Amino acid sequence: MTRALGPIRLQTEAETAALAGRIAPLLAAGDTLLLEGEIGAGKSAFARALIRARLGRFEDVPSPTFTLVQTYEAADVSIWHADLYRLTSPDEVFELGLDEAFEDAICLIEWPDRLGPDAPEGALTLRFEATPKGHLLTVTGPDHWLNRLSEAF
């Protein structure tokens, strides 16, 4: 069963970073977060904060818009941050190695619509929306996700 939380109002980038920091330690290898929303909606800010929180240190976390994928090594797991905006076909996902990363890394995927039918089953979707008063976030996923993340919200 799929459920939704939200919308959650995130008025500042600091609030977005705080939420990402609460979610980061709850993630494990094989977890995928699908980050949806228009340009400027807060996807990259959330991903950057989550990566830094999971690494437990400040790290330069550039947007992978041009490289498509950036990887980071936490103590216990690899983190893949992908921006699929420039992909033209879901087949290109396999060229990036994302199919394997979905199984053994934490994956943060911006523009997940580019995955087409290859989005991992059971992924958590975070939908960001920019508003005049900050951002709204709606989280959708299977019950096991929302139960596991309940303490973060």
N, C-alpha and C. Protein backbone atom coordinates (compact mmCIF):
# COMPACT_ATOMS: atom_id res chain seq x y z
N MET A 1 0.84 -1.18 0.00
CA MET A 1 0.00 0.00 0.00
C MET A 1 0.89 1.24 0.00
N THR A 2 0.48 2.25 -0.73
CA THR A 2 1.21 3.51 -0.82
C THR A 2 0.46 4.58 -0.04
N ARG A 3 1.23 5.36 0.73
CA ARG A 3 0.65 6.47 1.49
C ARG A 3 1.47 7.73 1.23
N ALA A 4 0.90 8.85 1.64
CA ALA A 4 1.58 10.13 1.47
C ALA A 4 1.62 10.90 2.78
N LEU A 5 2.69 11.65 2.96
CA LEU A 5 2.83 12.59 4.06
C LEU A 5 2.96 13.97 3.44
N GLY A 6 2.26 14.92 4.02
CA GLY A 6 2.44 16.29 3.56
C GLY A 6 1.17 16.87 3.03
N PRO A 7 1.28 18.06 2.53
CA PRO A 7 2.53 18.76 2.27
C PRO A 7 3.18 19.27 3.56
N ILE A 8 4.50 19.22 3.56
CA ILE A 8 5.33 19.71 4.67
C ILE A 8 5.94 21.02 4.21
N ARG A 9 5.75 22.07 4.99
CA ARG A 9 6.30 23.37 4.62
C ARG A 9 7.75 23.47 5.09
N LEU A 10 8.62 23.80 4.16
CA LEU A 10 10.05 24.03 4.43
C LEU A 10 10.31 25.48 4.03
N GLN A 11 10.35 26.38 5.00
CA GLN A 11 10.43 27.81 4.69
C GLN A 11 11.84 28.28 4.36
N THR A 12 12.84 27.55 4.81
CA THR A 12 14.22 27.98 4.56
C THR A 12 15.07 26.78 4.13
N GLU A 13 16.23 27.07 3.58
CA GLU A 13 17.15 26.00 3.22
C GLU A 13 17.64 25.28 4.48
N ALA A 14 17.73 26.01 5.60
CA ALA A 14 18.13 25.40 6.87
C ALA A 14 17.10 24.36 7.32
N GLU A 15 15.82 24.62 7.12
CA GLU A 15 14.78 23.64 7.46
C GLU A 15 14.87 22.42 6.55
N THR A 16 15.16 22.65 5.29
CA THR A 16 15.35 21.53 4.35
C THR A 16 16.54 20.69 4.79
N ALA A 17 17.64 21.34 5.16
CA ALA A 17 18.85 20.63 5.60
C ALA A 17 18.58 19.86 6.88
N ALA A 18 17.81 20.43 7.78
CA ALA A 18 17.50 19.74 9.04
C ALA A 18 16.69 18.47 8.78
N LEU A 19 15.70 18.55 7.89
CA LEU A 19 14.91 17.36 7.56
C LEU A 19 15.80 16.31 6.89
N ALA A 20 16.63 16.72 5.95
CA ALA A 20 17.54 15.78 5.29
C ALA A 20 18.46 15.13 6.32
N GLY A 21 18.89 15.89 7.31
CA GLY A 21 19.75 15.36 8.36
C GLY A 21 19.07 14.33 9.23
N ARG A 22 17.76 14.47 9.41
CA ARG A 22 17.01 13.47 10.19
C ARG A 22 16.75 12.21 9.39
N ILE A 23 16.62 12.34 8.07
CA ILE A 23 16.36 11.19 7.20
C ILE A 23 17.64 10.40 6.93
N ALA A 24 18.76 11.08 6.78
CA ALA A 24 20.03 10.45 6.35
C ALA A 24 20.40 9.20 7.14
N PRO A 25 20.36 9.22 8.48
CA PRO A 25 20.79 8.02 9.20
C PRO A 25 19.80 6.85 9.12
N LEU A 26 18.62 7.11 8.59
CA LEU A 26 17.60 6.07 8.50
C LEU A 26 17.70 5.29 7.18
N LEU A 27 18.58 5.71 6.30
CA LEU A 27 18.72 5.07 4.98
C LEU A 27 19.76 3.96 5.01
N ALA A 28 19.58 2.99 4.11
CA ALA A 28 20.48 1.85 4.03
C ALA A 28 20.73 1.50 2.56
N ALA A 29 21.71 0.64 2.34
CA ALA A 29 22.02 0.17 0.99
C ALA A 29 20.75 -0.39 0.35
N GLY A 30 20.52 -0.03 -0.90
CA GLY A 30 19.34 -0.48 -1.62
C GLY A 30 18.18 0.48 -1.55
N ASP A 31 18.32 1.58 -0.79
CA ASP A 31 17.25 2.57 -0.70
C ASP A 31 17.39 3.59 -1.82
N THR A 32 16.27 3.93 -2.43
CA THR A 32 16.26 4.93 -3.49
C THR A 32 15.23 5.99 -3.16
N LEU A 33 15.67 7.26 -3.27
CA LEU A 33 14.78 8.41 -3.11
C LEU A 33 14.64 9.07 -4.47
N LEU A 34 13.41 9.18 -4.94
CA LEU A 34 13.11 9.82 -6.21
C LEU A 34 12.72 11.26 -5.91
N LEU A 35 13.55 12.21 -6.34
CA LEU A 35 13.37 13.62 -6.02
C LEU A 35 12.72 14.32 -7.21
N GLU A 36 11.44 14.66 -7.06
CA GLU A 36 10.67 15.28 -8.13
C GLU A 36 10.46 16.76 -7.85
N GLY A 37 10.25 17.53 -8.91
CA GLY A 37 9.95 18.95 -8.78
C GLY A 37 10.63 19.73 -9.88
N GLU A 38 10.12 20.91 -10.12
CA GLU A 38 10.67 21.77 -11.16
C GLU A 38 12.05 22.31 -10.74
N ILE A 39 12.73 22.93 -11.66
CA ILE A 39 14.00 23.58 -11.36
C ILE A 39 13.76 24.62 -10.27
N GLY A 40 14.62 24.62 -9.25
CA GLY A 40 14.49 25.57 -8.16
C GLY A 40 13.55 25.15 -7.05
N ALA A 41 13.05 23.93 -7.11
CA ALA A 41 12.08 23.46 -6.11
C ALA A 41 12.73 22.97 -4.82
N GLY A 42 14.05 22.76 -4.81
CA GLY A 42 14.73 22.33 -3.59
C GLY A 42 15.32 20.94 -3.63
N LYS A 43 15.28 20.27 -4.77
CA LYS A 43 15.78 18.90 -4.88
C LYS A 43 17.27 18.81 -4.57
N SER A 44 18.05 19.66 -5.22
CA SER A 44 19.51 19.60 -5.04
C SER A 44 19.91 20.03 -3.64
N ALA A 45 19.24 21.01 -3.07
CA ALA A 45 19.56 21.44 -1.70
C ALA A 45 19.30 20.31 -0.72
N PHE A 46 18.21 19.58 -0.92
CA PHE A 46 17.90 18.44 -0.06
C PHE A 46 18.96 17.36 -0.22
N ALA A 47 19.29 17.01 -1.47
CA ALA A 47 20.28 15.96 -1.73
C ALA A 47 21.64 16.33 -1.13
N ARG A 48 22.05 17.57 -1.32
CA ARG A 48 23.34 18.03 -0.80
C ARG A 48 23.38 17.87 0.73
N ALA A 49 22.32 18.32 1.40
CA ALA A 49 22.26 18.24 2.86
C ALA A 49 22.23 16.79 3.33
N LEU A 50 21.50 15.92 2.64
CA LEU A 50 21.42 14.52 3.03
C LEU A 50 22.78 13.84 2.89
N ILE A 51 23.46 14.13 1.79
CA ILE A 51 24.79 13.52 1.57
C ILE A 51 25.76 13.96 2.66
N ARG A 52 25.79 15.24 2.95
CA ARG A 52 26.69 15.75 3.99
C ARG A 52 26.36 15.13 5.35
N ALA A 53 25.07 15.03 5.65
CA ALA A 53 24.67 14.45 6.94
C ALA A 53 25.09 12.98 7.01
N ARG A 54 24.90 12.24 5.94
CA ARG A 54 25.24 10.82 5.95
C ARG A 54 26.75 10.60 6.02
N LEU A 55 27.51 11.48 5.38
CA LEU A 55 28.97 11.38 5.43
C LEU A 55 29.50 11.81 6.79
N GLY A 56 28.74 12.65 7.48
CA GLY A 56 29.17 13.12 8.80
C GLY A 56 30.26 14.18 8.73
N ARG A 57 30.35 14.83 7.56
CA ARG A 57 31.37 15.87 7.39
C ARG A 57 30.94 16.79 6.25
N PHE A 58 31.55 17.97 6.23
CA PHE A 58 31.32 18.86 5.10
C PHE A 58 32.02 18.27 3.88
N GLU A 59 31.33 18.27 2.78
CA GLU A 59 31.87 17.75 1.52
C GLU A 59 31.34 18.66 0.42
N ASP A 60 32.18 18.98 -0.54
CA ASP A 60 31.70 19.71 -1.70
C ASP A 60 30.77 18.76 -2.46
N VAL A 61 29.52 19.17 -2.63
CA VAL A 61 28.53 18.32 -3.29
C VAL A 61 27.96 19.11 -4.47
N PRO A 62 28.65 19.05 -5.61
CA PRO A 62 28.15 19.77 -6.78
C PRO A 62 26.93 19.08 -7.37
N SER A 63 26.13 19.86 -8.05
CA SER A 63 24.99 19.27 -8.75
C SER A 63 25.52 18.38 -9.88
N PRO A 64 24.98 17.20 -10.03
CA PRO A 64 25.44 16.32 -11.10
C PRO A 64 24.75 16.57 -12.45
N THR A 65 24.30 17.80 -12.67
CA THR A 65 23.60 18.12 -13.91
C THR A 65 24.42 17.78 -15.14
N PHE A 66 25.72 18.06 -15.10
CA PHE A 66 26.56 17.82 -16.28
C PHE A 66 27.28 16.49 -16.22
N THR A 67 27.64 16.02 -15.03
CA THR A 67 28.31 14.73 -14.91
C THR A 67 27.31 13.58 -14.87
N LEU A 68 26.06 13.88 -14.64
CA LEU A 68 24.94 12.94 -14.51
C LEU A 68 24.94 12.19 -13.19
N VAL A 69 26.10 11.73 -12.72
CA VAL A 69 26.16 10.99 -11.46
C VAL A 69 27.39 11.44 -10.67
N GLN A 70 27.21 11.64 -9.38
CA GLN A 70 28.30 11.87 -8.44
C GLN A 70 28.18 10.76 -7.39
N THR A 71 29.30 10.18 -6.99
CA THR A 71 29.26 9.15 -5.95
C THR A 71 30.09 9.60 -4.75
N TYR A 72 29.66 9.11 -3.58
CA TYR A 72 30.30 9.44 -2.32
C TYR A 72 30.40 8.17 -1.50
N GLU A 73 31.47 8.06 -0.72
CA GLU A 73 31.67 6.87 0.10
C GLU A 73 31.47 7.22 1.57
N ALA A 74 30.37 6.76 2.15
CA ALA A 74 30.16 6.87 3.59
C ALA A 74 30.86 5.67 4.23
N ALA A 75 30.91 5.63 5.53
CA ALA A 75 31.60 4.54 6.23
C ALA A 75 31.02 3.18 5.89
N ASP A 76 29.71 3.12 5.66
CA ASP A 76 29.05 1.83 5.51
C ASP A 76 28.36 1.61 4.16
N VAL A 77 28.34 2.63 3.29
CA VAL A 77 27.57 2.50 2.06
C VAL A 77 28.01 3.57 1.06
N SER A 78 27.85 3.27 -0.22
CA SER A 78 28.05 4.27 -1.27
C SER A 78 26.75 5.06 -1.43
N ILE A 79 26.91 6.32 -1.78
CA ILE A 79 25.76 7.18 -2.06
C ILE A 79 25.90 7.66 -3.49
N TRP A 80 24.89 7.44 -4.28
CA TRP A 80 24.87 7.89 -5.67
C TRP A 80 23.86 9.03 -5.79
N HIS A 81 24.30 10.16 -6.31
CA HIS A 81 23.42 11.30 -6.57
C HIS A 81 23.38 11.49 -8.07
N ALA A 82 22.22 11.29 -8.65
CA ALA A 82 22.08 11.37 -10.11
C ALA A 82 21.08 12.46 -10.49
N ASP A 83 21.41 13.17 -11.53
CA ASP A 83 20.51 14.16 -12.12
C ASP A 83 20.28 13.70 -13.55
N LEU A 84 19.09 13.22 -13.82
CA LEU A 84 18.78 12.59 -15.11
C LEU A 84 18.16 13.55 -16.11
N TYR A 85 18.17 14.84 -15.79
CA TYR A 85 17.50 15.84 -16.63
C TYR A 85 17.92 15.75 -18.09
N ARG A 86 19.19 15.52 -18.34
CA ARG A 86 19.71 15.53 -19.71
C ARG A 86 19.53 14.20 -20.45
N LEU A 87 19.03 13.18 -19.79
CA LEU A 87 18.84 11.89 -20.48
C LEU A 87 17.67 12.00 -21.45
N THR A 88 17.79 11.30 -22.55
CA THR A 88 16.73 11.32 -23.55
C THR A 88 15.98 10.00 -23.64
N SER A 89 16.53 8.95 -23.00
CA SER A 89 15.91 7.63 -23.06
C SER A 89 16.18 6.87 -21.76
N PRO A 90 15.21 6.12 -21.27
CA PRO A 90 15.46 5.31 -20.08
C PRO A 90 16.61 4.31 -20.25
N ASP A 91 16.92 3.93 -21.48
CA ASP A 91 18.03 3.00 -21.72
C ASP A 91 19.36 3.56 -21.25
N GLU A 92 19.50 4.88 -21.24
CA GLU A 92 20.75 5.51 -20.83
C GLU A 92 21.05 5.29 -19.34
N VAL A 93 20.02 4.98 -18.56
CA VAL A 93 20.21 4.71 -17.13
C VAL A 93 21.16 3.53 -16.94
N PHE A 94 21.03 2.52 -17.77
CA PHE A 94 21.86 1.33 -17.64
C PHE A 94 23.32 1.64 -17.98
N GLU A 95 23.55 2.57 -18.91
CA GLU A 95 24.91 2.97 -19.25
C GLU A 95 25.60 3.64 -18.06
N LEU A 96 24.82 4.26 -17.18
CA LEU A 96 25.38 4.93 -16.00
C LEU A 96 25.68 3.96 -14.86
N GLY A 97 25.13 2.75 -14.94
CA GLY A 97 25.32 1.78 -13.87
C GLY A 97 24.33 1.92 -12.73
N LEU A 98 23.29 2.71 -12.93
CA LEU A 98 22.31 2.92 -11.86
C LEU A 98 21.56 1.65 -11.49
N ASP A 99 21.35 0.78 -12.44
CA ASP A 99 20.62 -0.45 -12.12
C ASP A 99 21.32 -1.24 -11.03
N GLU A 100 22.65 -1.29 -11.06
CA GLU A 100 23.40 -1.98 -10.02
C GLU A 100 23.41 -1.17 -8.72
N ALA A 101 23.51 0.16 -8.84
CA ALA A 101 23.52 1.01 -7.65
C ALA A 101 22.20 0.90 -6.89
N PHE A 102 21.10 0.71 -7.61
CA PHE A 102 19.80 0.57 -6.94
C PHE A 102 19.82 -0.59 -5.94
N GLU A 103 20.65 -1.58 -6.19
CA GLU A 103 20.68 -2.76 -5.33
C GLU A 103 21.59 -2.61 -4.12
N ASP A 104 22.71 -1.86 -4.26
CA ASP A 104 23.67 -1.87 -3.15
C ASP A 104 24.16 -0.49 -2.70
N ALA A 105 23.49 0.56 -3.10
CA ALA A 105 23.87 1.91 -2.68
C ALA A 105 22.61 2.66 -2.24
N ILE A 106 22.82 3.80 -1.62
CA ILE A 106 21.73 4.75 -1.40
C ILE A 106 21.71 5.62 -2.65
N CYS A 107 20.57 5.71 -3.32
CA CYS A 107 20.47 6.46 -4.56
C CYS A 107 19.51 7.64 -4.40
N LEU A 108 19.98 8.81 -4.77
CA LEU A 108 19.18 10.03 -4.79
C LEU A 108 19.04 10.42 -6.26
N ILE A 109 17.82 10.36 -6.78
CA ILE A 109 17.61 10.52 -8.22
C ILE A 109 16.76 11.76 -8.49
N GLU A 110 17.38 12.78 -9.09
CA GLU A 110 16.64 13.95 -9.54
C GLU A 110 16.14 13.70 -10.95
N TRP A 111 14.95 14.18 -11.25
CA TRP A 111 14.28 13.97 -12.52
C TRP A 111 14.03 12.48 -12.78
N PRO A 112 13.40 11.80 -11.82
CA PRO A 112 13.20 10.35 -11.95
C PRO A 112 12.24 9.95 -13.05
N ASP A 113 11.49 10.90 -13.60
CA ASP A 113 10.61 10.56 -14.72
C ASP A 113 11.41 10.01 -15.89
N ARG A 114 12.71 10.35 -15.97
CA ARG A 114 13.57 9.87 -17.05
C ARG A 114 13.85 8.37 -16.93
N LEU A 115 13.55 7.80 -15.77
CA LEU A 115 13.74 6.35 -15.59
C LEU A 115 12.68 5.55 -16.33
N GLY A 116 11.56 6.19 -16.64
CA GLY A 116 10.46 5.48 -17.27
C GLY A 116 10.02 4.31 -16.40
N PRO A 117 9.81 3.15 -16.99
CA PRO A 117 9.35 2.00 -16.21
C PRO A 117 10.45 1.36 -15.36
N ASP A 118 11.66 1.89 -15.44
CA ASP A 118 12.78 1.28 -14.71
C ASP A 118 13.02 1.88 -13.32
N ALA A 119 12.10 2.71 -12.87
CA ALA A 119 12.21 3.22 -11.49
C ALA A 119 12.13 2.02 -10.54
N PRO A 120 12.98 2.00 -9.52
CA PRO A 120 12.97 0.86 -8.61
C PRO A 120 11.64 0.72 -7.88
N GLU A 121 11.14 -0.50 -7.86
CA GLU A 121 9.91 -0.77 -7.12
C GLU A 121 10.19 -0.53 -5.64
N GLY A 122 9.30 0.12 -4.97
CA GLY A 122 9.47 0.36 -3.55
C GLY A 122 10.26 1.60 -3.22
N ALA A 123 10.60 2.43 -4.21
CA ALA A 123 11.33 3.66 -3.95
C ALA A 123 10.43 4.66 -3.23
N LEU A 124 11.06 5.60 -2.54
CA LEU A 124 10.35 6.67 -1.87
C LEU A 124 10.38 7.90 -2.77
N THR A 125 9.24 8.54 -2.96
CA THR A 125 9.16 9.73 -3.80
C THR A 125 9.00 10.97 -2.93
N LEU A 126 9.88 11.95 -3.17
CA LEU A 126 9.80 13.23 -2.49
C LEU A 126 9.52 14.28 -3.55
N ARG A 127 8.35 14.87 -3.47
CA ARG A 127 7.92 15.87 -4.47
C ARG A 127 8.07 17.26 -3.87
N PHE A 128 8.97 18.07 -4.44
CA PHE A 128 9.23 19.42 -3.97
C PHE A 128 8.50 20.42 -4.85
N GLU A 129 7.98 21.46 -4.21
CA GLU A 129 7.29 22.52 -4.94
C GLU A 129 7.71 23.86 -4.36
N ALA A 130 8.19 24.76 -5.22
CA ALA A 130 8.56 26.11 -4.79
C ALA A 130 7.29 26.94 -4.65
N THR A 131 7.22 27.72 -3.57
CA THR A 131 6.10 28.63 -3.33
C THR A 131 6.69 29.98 -2.93
N PRO A 132 5.88 31.03 -2.91
CA PRO A 132 6.40 32.34 -2.47
C PRO A 132 6.89 32.32 -1.01
N LYS A 133 6.47 31.37 -0.22
CA LYS A 133 6.86 31.30 1.20
C LYS A 133 7.76 30.10 1.48
N GLY A 134 8.60 29.73 0.53
CA GLY A 134 9.49 28.59 0.74
C GLY A 134 9.13 27.43 -0.17
N HIS A 135 9.23 26.23 0.36
CA HIS A 135 8.96 25.03 -0.43
C HIS A 135 7.96 24.14 0.28
N LEU A 136 7.23 23.38 -0.51
CA LEU A 136 6.35 22.35 0.02
C LEU A 136 6.91 21.01 -0.40
N LEU A 137 6.84 20.05 0.51
CA LEU A 137 7.33 18.70 0.24
C LEU A 137 6.22 17.71 0.53
N THR A 138 5.96 16.84 -0.43
CA THR A 138 5.04 15.73 -0.23
C THR A 138 5.84 14.45 -0.41
N VAL A 139 5.73 13.55 0.55
CA VAL A 139 6.48 12.29 0.55
C VAL A 139 5.49 11.16 0.31
N THR A 140 5.78 10.33 -0.67
CA THR A 140 4.89 9.22 -1.03
C THR A 140 5.71 7.94 -1.12
N GLY A 141 5.16 6.88 -0.54
CA GLY A 141 5.86 5.60 -0.63
C GLY A 141 5.10 4.50 0.04
N PRO A 142 5.64 3.30 -0.07
CA PRO A 142 5.03 2.15 0.58
C PRO A 142 5.02 2.33 2.10
N ASP A 143 4.12 1.64 2.75
CA ASP A 143 3.98 1.75 4.20
C ASP A 143 5.31 1.55 4.93
N HIS A 144 6.12 0.60 4.49
CA HIS A 144 7.37 0.33 5.21
C HIS A 144 8.26 1.57 5.24
N TRP A 145 8.25 2.38 4.19
CA TRP A 145 9.03 3.62 4.18
C TRP A 145 8.50 4.61 5.20
N LEU A 146 7.22 4.85 5.13
CA LEU A 146 6.66 5.87 5.99
C LEU A 146 6.72 5.47 7.45
N ASN A 147 6.62 4.19 7.73
CA ASN A 147 6.80 3.73 9.12
C ASN A 147 8.24 3.96 9.56
N ARG A 148 9.19 3.63 8.70
CA ARG A 148 10.60 3.77 9.05
C ARG A 148 10.99 5.23 9.23
N LEU A 149 10.42 6.12 8.42
CA LEU A 149 10.81 7.51 8.46
C LEU A 149 9.95 8.37 9.39
N SER A 150 9.00 7.77 10.06
CA SER A 150 8.05 8.55 10.87
C SER A 150 8.76 9.44 11.90
N GLU A 151 9.87 8.97 12.47
CA GLU A 151 10.56 9.79 13.46
C GLU A 151 11.24 11.01 12.85
N ALA A 152 11.48 11.01 11.55
CA ALA A 152 12.11 12.15 10.89
C ALA A 152 11.14 13.30 10.69
N PHE A 153 9.85 12.98 10.66
CA PHE A 153 8.85 14.02 10.42
C PHE A 153 8.20 14.41 11.73
